N, C-alpha and C. Protein backbone atom coordinates (compact mmCIF):
# COMPACT_ATOMS: atom_id res chain seq x y z
N UNK A 1 16.90 -17.28 10.39
CA UNK A 1 16.95 -16.10 9.64
C UNK A 1 16.77 -16.66 8.19
N UNK A 2 15.99 -15.86 7.43
CA UNK A 2 15.48 -16.23 6.12
C UNK A 2 16.42 -15.40 5.10
N UNK A 3 16.98 -16.18 4.15
CA UNK A 3 18.03 -15.72 3.19
C UNK A 3 17.05 -15.47 1.82
N UNK A 4 17.38 -14.38 1.07
CA UNK A 4 16.66 -14.19 -0.14
C UNK A 4 17.77 -13.79 -1.25
N UNK A 5 17.55 -14.27 -2.36
CA UNK A 5 18.50 -13.85 -3.51
C UNK A 5 17.88 -12.57 -4.13
N UNK A 6 16.89 -12.26 -3.90
CA UNK A 6 16.22 -11.09 -4.52
C UNK A 6 16.05 -9.91 -3.59
N UNK A 7 16.05 -8.71 -4.14
CA UNK A 7 15.55 -7.67 -3.41
C UNK A 7 14.12 -7.42 -3.53
N UNK A 8 13.63 -6.78 -2.34
CA UNK A 8 12.08 -6.47 -2.34
C UNK A 8 11.99 -5.18 -2.48
N UNK A 9 10.76 -4.66 -3.21
CA UNK A 9 10.41 -3.32 -3.39
C UNK A 9 9.03 -3.16 -2.63
N UNK A 10 8.83 -1.97 -2.26
CA UNK A 10 7.58 -1.60 -1.60
C UNK A 10 6.91 -0.53 -2.30
N UNK A 11 5.51 -0.57 -2.35
CA UNK A 11 4.79 0.32 -2.92
C UNK A 11 3.63 0.78 -1.76
N UNK A 12 3.29 1.93 -1.80
CA UNK A 12 2.17 2.59 -0.77
C UNK A 12 1.09 2.99 -1.42
N UNK A 13 -0.11 2.64 -0.79
CA UNK A 13 -1.34 3.08 -1.35
C UNK A 13 -2.31 3.62 -0.31
N UNK A 14 -3.00 4.70 -0.80
CA UNK A 14 -4.10 5.16 0.14
C UNK A 14 -5.37 4.97 -0.78
N UNK A 15 -6.47 4.43 -0.21
CA UNK A 15 -7.89 4.26 -0.85
C UNK A 15 -8.56 5.54 -0.40
N UNK A 16 -8.91 6.30 -1.25
CA UNK A 16 -9.54 7.57 -0.88
C UNK A 16 -11.12 7.47 -0.59
N UNK A 17 -11.84 8.48 0.05
CA UNK A 17 -13.13 8.30 0.19
C UNK A 17 -14.01 8.50 -0.96
N UNK A 18 -13.46 8.84 -2.13
CA UNK A 18 -14.20 8.84 -3.32
C UNK A 18 -13.93 7.74 -4.28
N UNK A 19 -13.26 6.78 -3.76
CA UNK A 19 -13.19 5.45 -4.43
C UNK A 19 -11.68 5.42 -5.40
N UNK A 20 -10.87 6.48 -5.25
CA UNK A 20 -9.61 6.26 -6.04
C UNK A 20 -8.60 5.57 -5.11
N UNK A 21 -7.52 5.05 -5.68
CA UNK A 21 -6.41 4.46 -5.11
C UNK A 21 -5.25 5.36 -5.57
N UNK A 22 -4.62 6.13 -4.62
CA UNK A 22 -3.46 6.80 -4.78
C UNK A 22 -2.19 6.07 -4.35
N UNK A 23 -1.14 6.23 -5.10
CA UNK A 23 0.15 5.64 -4.73
C UNK A 23 1.01 6.68 -4.28
N UNK A 24 1.84 6.34 -3.38
CA UNK A 24 2.90 7.19 -2.90
C UNK A 24 4.23 6.49 -2.79
N UNK A 25 5.43 7.36 -3.05
CA UNK A 25 6.65 6.80 -3.19
C UNK A 25 7.18 6.37 -1.72
N UNK A 26 8.25 5.77 -1.50
CA UNK A 26 8.97 5.44 -0.26
C UNK A 26 9.19 6.79 0.41
N UNK A 27 9.73 7.57 -0.33
CA UNK A 27 9.98 9.00 0.45
C UNK A 27 8.78 9.71 0.88
N UNK A 28 7.78 9.80 0.06
CA UNK A 28 6.53 10.42 0.45
C UNK A 28 5.86 9.66 1.65
N UNK A 29 5.78 8.41 1.66
CA UNK A 29 5.12 7.57 2.68
C UNK A 29 6.06 7.88 4.02
N UNK A 30 7.44 7.80 3.95
CA UNK A 30 8.04 8.13 5.07
C UNK A 30 7.93 9.36 5.73
N UNK A 31 7.87 10.40 4.78
CA UNK A 31 7.72 11.84 5.28
C UNK A 31 6.11 11.97 5.85
N UNK A 32 5.13 11.40 5.46
CA UNK A 32 3.97 11.59 5.80
C UNK A 32 3.99 10.73 7.30
N UNK A 33 4.52 9.64 7.41
CA UNK A 33 4.52 8.81 8.67
C UNK A 33 5.40 9.51 9.76
N UNK A 34 6.36 10.38 9.43
CA UNK A 34 7.21 11.13 10.38
C UNK A 34 6.73 12.30 10.62
N UNK A 35 5.61 12.87 9.97
CA UNK A 35 4.80 13.99 10.16
C UNK A 35 5.45 15.27 9.60
N UNK A 36 6.41 15.08 8.59
CA UNK A 36 7.06 16.14 8.00
C UNK A 36 6.34 16.45 6.64
N UNK A 37 5.30 15.70 6.28
CA UNK A 37 4.72 16.00 5.04
C UNK A 37 3.20 16.02 5.32
N UNK A 38 2.47 16.91 5.02
CA UNK A 38 0.97 16.86 5.15
C UNK A 38 0.33 16.56 3.80
N UNK A 39 -0.94 15.99 3.94
CA UNK A 39 -1.74 15.76 2.75
C UNK A 39 -3.03 16.37 2.86
N UNK A 40 -2.94 17.88 2.65
CA UNK A 40 -4.38 18.68 2.81
C UNK A 40 -5.57 18.04 2.23
N UNK A 41 -5.53 17.30 1.11
CA UNK A 41 -6.73 16.85 0.59
C UNK A 41 -7.22 15.70 1.48
N UNK A 42 -6.49 15.28 2.28
CA UNK A 42 -7.10 14.17 3.22
C UNK A 42 -7.39 14.64 4.60
N UNK A 43 -7.46 15.90 4.83
CA UNK A 43 -7.96 16.62 6.08
C UNK A 43 -9.12 16.03 6.68
N UNK A 44 -8.95 15.80 7.93
CA UNK A 44 -10.18 15.12 8.77
C UNK A 44 -10.71 13.87 8.07
N UNK A 45 -9.80 13.18 7.43
CA UNK A 45 -10.23 11.97 6.75
C UNK A 45 -9.76 10.75 7.71
N UNK A 46 -10.33 9.68 7.61
CA UNK A 46 -10.18 8.30 8.02
C UNK A 46 -10.02 7.50 6.82
N UNK A 47 -8.98 6.93 6.36
CA UNK A 47 -8.88 6.20 5.06
C UNK A 47 -8.05 4.92 5.25
N UNK A 48 -8.03 4.13 4.35
CA UNK A 48 -7.40 2.78 4.37
C UNK A 48 -6.03 2.84 3.57
N UNK A 49 -5.04 2.34 4.27
CA UNK A 49 -3.61 2.47 3.64
C UNK A 49 -3.27 0.96 3.48
N UNK A 50 -2.58 0.68 2.12
CA UNK A 50 -2.18 -0.83 1.86
C UNK A 50 -0.62 -0.57 1.43
N UNK A 51 0.14 -1.39 1.99
CA UNK A 51 1.54 -1.52 1.72
C UNK A 51 1.86 -2.97 0.98
N UNK A 52 2.33 -2.90 -0.21
CA UNK A 52 2.68 -4.08 -0.91
C UNK A 52 4.00 -4.22 -1.06
N UNK A 53 4.58 -5.21 -0.65
CA UNK A 53 6.07 -5.61 -0.90
C UNK A 53 6.25 -6.69 -1.64
N UNK A 54 7.13 -6.71 -2.51
CA UNK A 54 7.34 -7.90 -3.55
C UNK A 54 8.61 -8.02 -3.85
N UNK A 55 9.10 -9.17 -4.39
CA UNK A 55 10.35 -9.46 -5.08
C UNK A 55 10.40 -8.77 -6.26
N UNK A 56 11.65 -8.14 -6.60
CA UNK A 56 11.91 -7.37 -7.97
C UNK A 56 12.12 -8.53 -8.98
N UNK A 57 12.61 -9.68 -8.85
CA UNK A 57 12.68 -10.62 -9.72
C UNK A 57 12.02 -11.97 -9.42
N UNK A 58 11.60 -12.63 -10.30
CA UNK A 58 10.96 -14.01 -10.20
C UNK A 58 11.94 -14.97 -9.72
N UNK A 59 11.59 -16.00 -8.89
CA UNK A 59 12.52 -17.02 -8.49
C UNK A 59 12.82 -18.10 -9.54
N UNK A 60 13.48 -19.10 -9.26
CA UNK A 60 13.56 -20.11 -10.28
C UNK A 60 12.39 -20.74 -10.89
N UNK A 61 11.37 -20.74 -10.10
CA UNK A 61 10.11 -21.25 -10.59
C UNK A 61 9.17 -20.17 -11.24
N UNK A 62 9.78 -18.85 -11.35
CA UNK A 62 9.00 -17.88 -12.04
C UNK A 62 8.04 -17.21 -11.23
N UNK A 63 8.15 -17.43 -9.76
CA UNK A 63 7.25 -16.96 -8.84
C UNK A 63 7.78 -15.63 -8.33
N UNK A 64 6.94 -14.72 -7.98
CA UNK A 64 7.32 -13.39 -7.27
C UNK A 64 6.57 -13.54 -6.00
N UNK A 65 7.44 -13.36 -4.81
CA UNK A 65 6.66 -13.29 -3.52
C UNK A 65 6.09 -11.95 -3.46
N UNK A 66 4.95 -11.89 -2.69
CA UNK A 66 4.17 -10.72 -2.49
C UNK A 66 3.58 -10.64 -1.06
N UNK A 67 3.88 -9.76 -0.23
CA UNK A 67 3.40 -9.57 1.03
C UNK A 67 2.54 -8.25 1.15
N UNK A 68 1.40 -8.23 1.72
CA UNK A 68 0.72 -7.14 1.88
C UNK A 68 0.38 -6.90 3.34
N UNK A 69 0.10 -5.51 3.69
CA UNK A 69 -0.48 -5.31 5.03
C UNK A 69 -1.29 -3.91 5.01
N UNK A 70 -2.22 -3.87 5.73
CA UNK A 70 -3.00 -2.64 5.69
C UNK A 70 -3.42 -2.11 7.02
N UNK A 71 -3.82 -0.89 7.10
CA UNK A 71 -4.25 0.02 8.30
C UNK A 71 -5.09 0.97 8.04
N UNK A 72 -5.82 1.51 8.99
CA UNK A 72 -6.64 2.76 8.77
C UNK A 72 -5.74 3.81 9.38
N UNK A 73 -5.75 4.89 8.51
CA UNK A 73 -5.00 5.99 8.90
C UNK A 73 -5.82 7.16 9.06
N UNK A 74 -5.56 8.07 9.96
CA UNK A 74 -6.41 9.15 10.39
C UNK A 74 -5.59 10.52 10.26
N UNK A 75 -6.06 11.50 9.62
CA UNK A 75 -5.44 12.74 9.31
C UNK A 75 -6.33 13.81 9.93
N UNK A 76 -5.49 14.83 10.58
CA UNK A 76 -6.14 15.96 11.34
C UNK A 76 -6.60 16.93 10.19
N UNK A 77 -7.17 18.22 10.73
CA UNK A 77 -7.75 19.23 9.90
C UNK A 77 -6.69 19.76 8.98
N UNK A 78 -5.50 19.50 9.22
CA UNK A 78 -4.32 20.02 8.26
C UNK A 78 -3.88 19.16 7.18
N UNK A 79 -4.26 17.95 7.35
CA UNK A 79 -3.97 16.70 6.63
C UNK A 79 -2.61 16.12 7.14
N UNK A 80 -2.46 16.16 8.44
CA UNK A 80 -1.15 15.64 8.91
C UNK A 80 -1.66 14.13 9.57
N UNK A 81 -0.86 13.19 9.31
CA UNK A 81 -1.12 11.88 9.81
C UNK A 81 -1.18 11.94 11.15
N UNK A 82 -2.10 11.34 11.98
CA UNK A 82 -2.30 11.44 13.26
C UNK A 82 -2.27 10.03 14.03
N UNK A 83 -2.68 9.02 13.32
CA UNK A 83 -2.82 7.72 13.90
C UNK A 83 -2.97 6.72 12.71
N UNK A 84 -2.44 5.54 13.07
CA UNK A 84 -2.64 4.39 12.04
C UNK A 84 -2.71 3.16 12.95
N UNK A 85 -3.95 2.51 12.57
CA UNK A 85 -4.25 1.34 13.54
C UNK A 85 -5.06 0.36 12.53
N UNK A 86 -5.10 -0.93 13.24
CA UNK A 86 -6.05 -1.89 12.64
C UNK A 86 -7.54 -1.59 13.01
N UNK A 87 -8.46 -2.14 12.46
CA UNK A 87 -9.74 -2.04 12.82
C UNK A 87 -10.51 -3.33 12.87
N UNK A 88 -11.58 -3.37 13.70
CA UNK A 88 -12.49 -4.59 13.66
C UNK A 88 -13.79 -4.36 12.84
N UNK A 89 -14.00 -3.14 12.43
CA UNK A 89 -15.11 -2.88 11.71
C UNK A 89 -15.09 -3.40 10.37
N UNK A 90 -16.18 -4.03 10.00
CA UNK A 90 -16.34 -4.63 8.67
C UNK A 90 -16.38 -3.77 7.42
N UNK A 91 -16.76 -2.63 7.91
CA UNK A 91 -16.91 -1.42 6.75
C UNK A 91 -15.59 -0.90 6.41
N UNK A 92 -14.63 -1.17 7.28
CA UNK A 92 -13.34 -0.56 7.07
C UNK A 92 -12.35 -1.68 6.38
N UNK A 93 -12.79 -2.84 6.40
CA UNK A 93 -12.09 -3.86 5.84
C UNK A 93 -11.89 -3.82 4.24
N UNK A 94 -10.74 -4.08 3.72
CA UNK A 94 -10.38 -4.00 2.38
C UNK A 94 -11.04 -5.11 1.53
N UNK A 95 -11.64 -4.87 0.49
CA UNK A 95 -12.20 -5.88 -0.28
C UNK A 95 -11.23 -6.65 -1.09
N UNK A 96 -11.62 -7.79 -1.58
CA UNK A 96 -10.65 -8.57 -2.25
C UNK A 96 -10.26 -7.85 -3.49
N UNK A 97 -11.33 -7.02 -4.25
CA UNK A 97 -11.02 -6.48 -5.46
C UNK A 97 -10.02 -5.18 -5.25
N UNK A 98 -10.24 -4.45 -4.00
CA UNK A 98 -9.23 -3.43 -3.74
C UNK A 98 -7.81 -3.97 -3.41
N UNK A 99 -7.95 -5.18 -2.64
CA UNK A 99 -6.43 -5.68 -2.34
C UNK A 99 -5.83 -6.16 -3.75
N UNK A 100 -6.57 -6.75 -4.49
CA UNK A 100 -5.98 -7.35 -5.95
C UNK A 100 -5.69 -6.09 -6.79
N UNK A 101 -6.44 -4.98 -6.68
CA UNK A 101 -5.89 -3.82 -7.49
C UNK A 101 -4.59 -3.23 -7.04
N UNK A 102 -4.40 -3.20 -5.76
CA UNK A 102 -3.12 -2.45 -5.30
C UNK A 102 -1.99 -3.41 -5.63
N UNK A 103 -2.09 -4.77 -5.53
CA UNK A 103 -1.12 -5.70 -5.94
C UNK A 103 -0.84 -5.53 -7.41
N UNK A 104 -1.88 -5.50 -8.33
CA UNK A 104 -1.67 -5.35 -9.64
C UNK A 104 -0.82 -4.05 -10.03
N UNK A 105 -1.33 -2.88 -9.42
CA UNK A 105 -0.68 -1.59 -9.65
C UNK A 105 0.83 -1.82 -9.15
N UNK A 106 0.93 -2.26 -7.99
CA UNK A 106 2.54 -2.42 -7.52
C UNK A 106 3.30 -3.30 -8.47
N UNK A 107 2.67 -4.37 -8.99
CA UNK A 107 3.66 -5.30 -9.82
C UNK A 107 3.56 -4.90 -11.34
N UNK A 108 2.74 -3.74 -11.65
CA UNK A 108 2.66 -3.45 -13.10
C UNK A 108 4.19 -3.43 -13.88
N UNK A 109 5.05 -2.77 -13.22
CA UNK A 109 6.36 -2.83 -13.76
C UNK A 109 7.05 -4.10 -13.77
N UNK A 110 7.04 -4.77 -12.73
CA UNK A 110 7.80 -5.94 -12.50
C UNK A 110 7.32 -7.06 -13.47
N UNK A 111 6.00 -7.33 -13.36
CA UNK A 111 5.34 -8.30 -14.16
C UNK A 111 5.02 -7.92 -15.57
N UNK A 112 4.74 -6.64 -15.85
CA UNK A 112 4.33 -6.15 -17.11
C UNK A 112 3.06 -6.62 -17.54
N UNK A 113 3.21 -7.19 -18.84
CA UNK A 113 1.84 -7.71 -19.46
C UNK A 113 1.58 -9.06 -18.98
N UNK A 114 2.29 -9.75 -18.24
CA UNK A 114 2.11 -11.10 -17.90
C UNK A 114 1.05 -11.09 -16.92
N UNK A 115 0.36 -12.43 -16.81
CA UNK A 115 -0.81 -12.48 -15.93
C UNK A 115 -0.52 -12.90 -14.72
N UNK A 116 -1.00 -12.20 -13.66
CA UNK A 116 -0.58 -12.59 -12.08
C UNK A 116 -1.70 -13.59 -11.65
N UNK A 117 -1.32 -14.48 -10.77
CA UNK A 117 -2.34 -15.37 -10.15
C UNK A 117 -2.20 -15.23 -8.78
N UNK A 118 -3.35 -14.92 -8.02
CA UNK A 118 -3.30 -14.79 -6.66
C UNK A 118 -3.53 -16.13 -5.97
């Protein structure tokens, strides 16, 4: 069992087909995952989802632990999430720039203007 002195926060991002990164709150992400909230603008889309979990405070060494995971999410004609899975397709892989952008967006309030090192 791993003990932690800090609480972790989680941010949820969808990378849209037009190159934008949209952030969703925990409540929104849960509602979409449970099927109680639709996102009509994502109707009939297959998009990349990134979840960034991180410590709310730095440890004694000034480090913030960050964990990321991703999936491909599928939406039906109404914008309801129908499936989330991993992919073996290179075209669906998250680039290092996209990954780093999601991490930076997630940490913007925690780290502020400090510089993050990956």
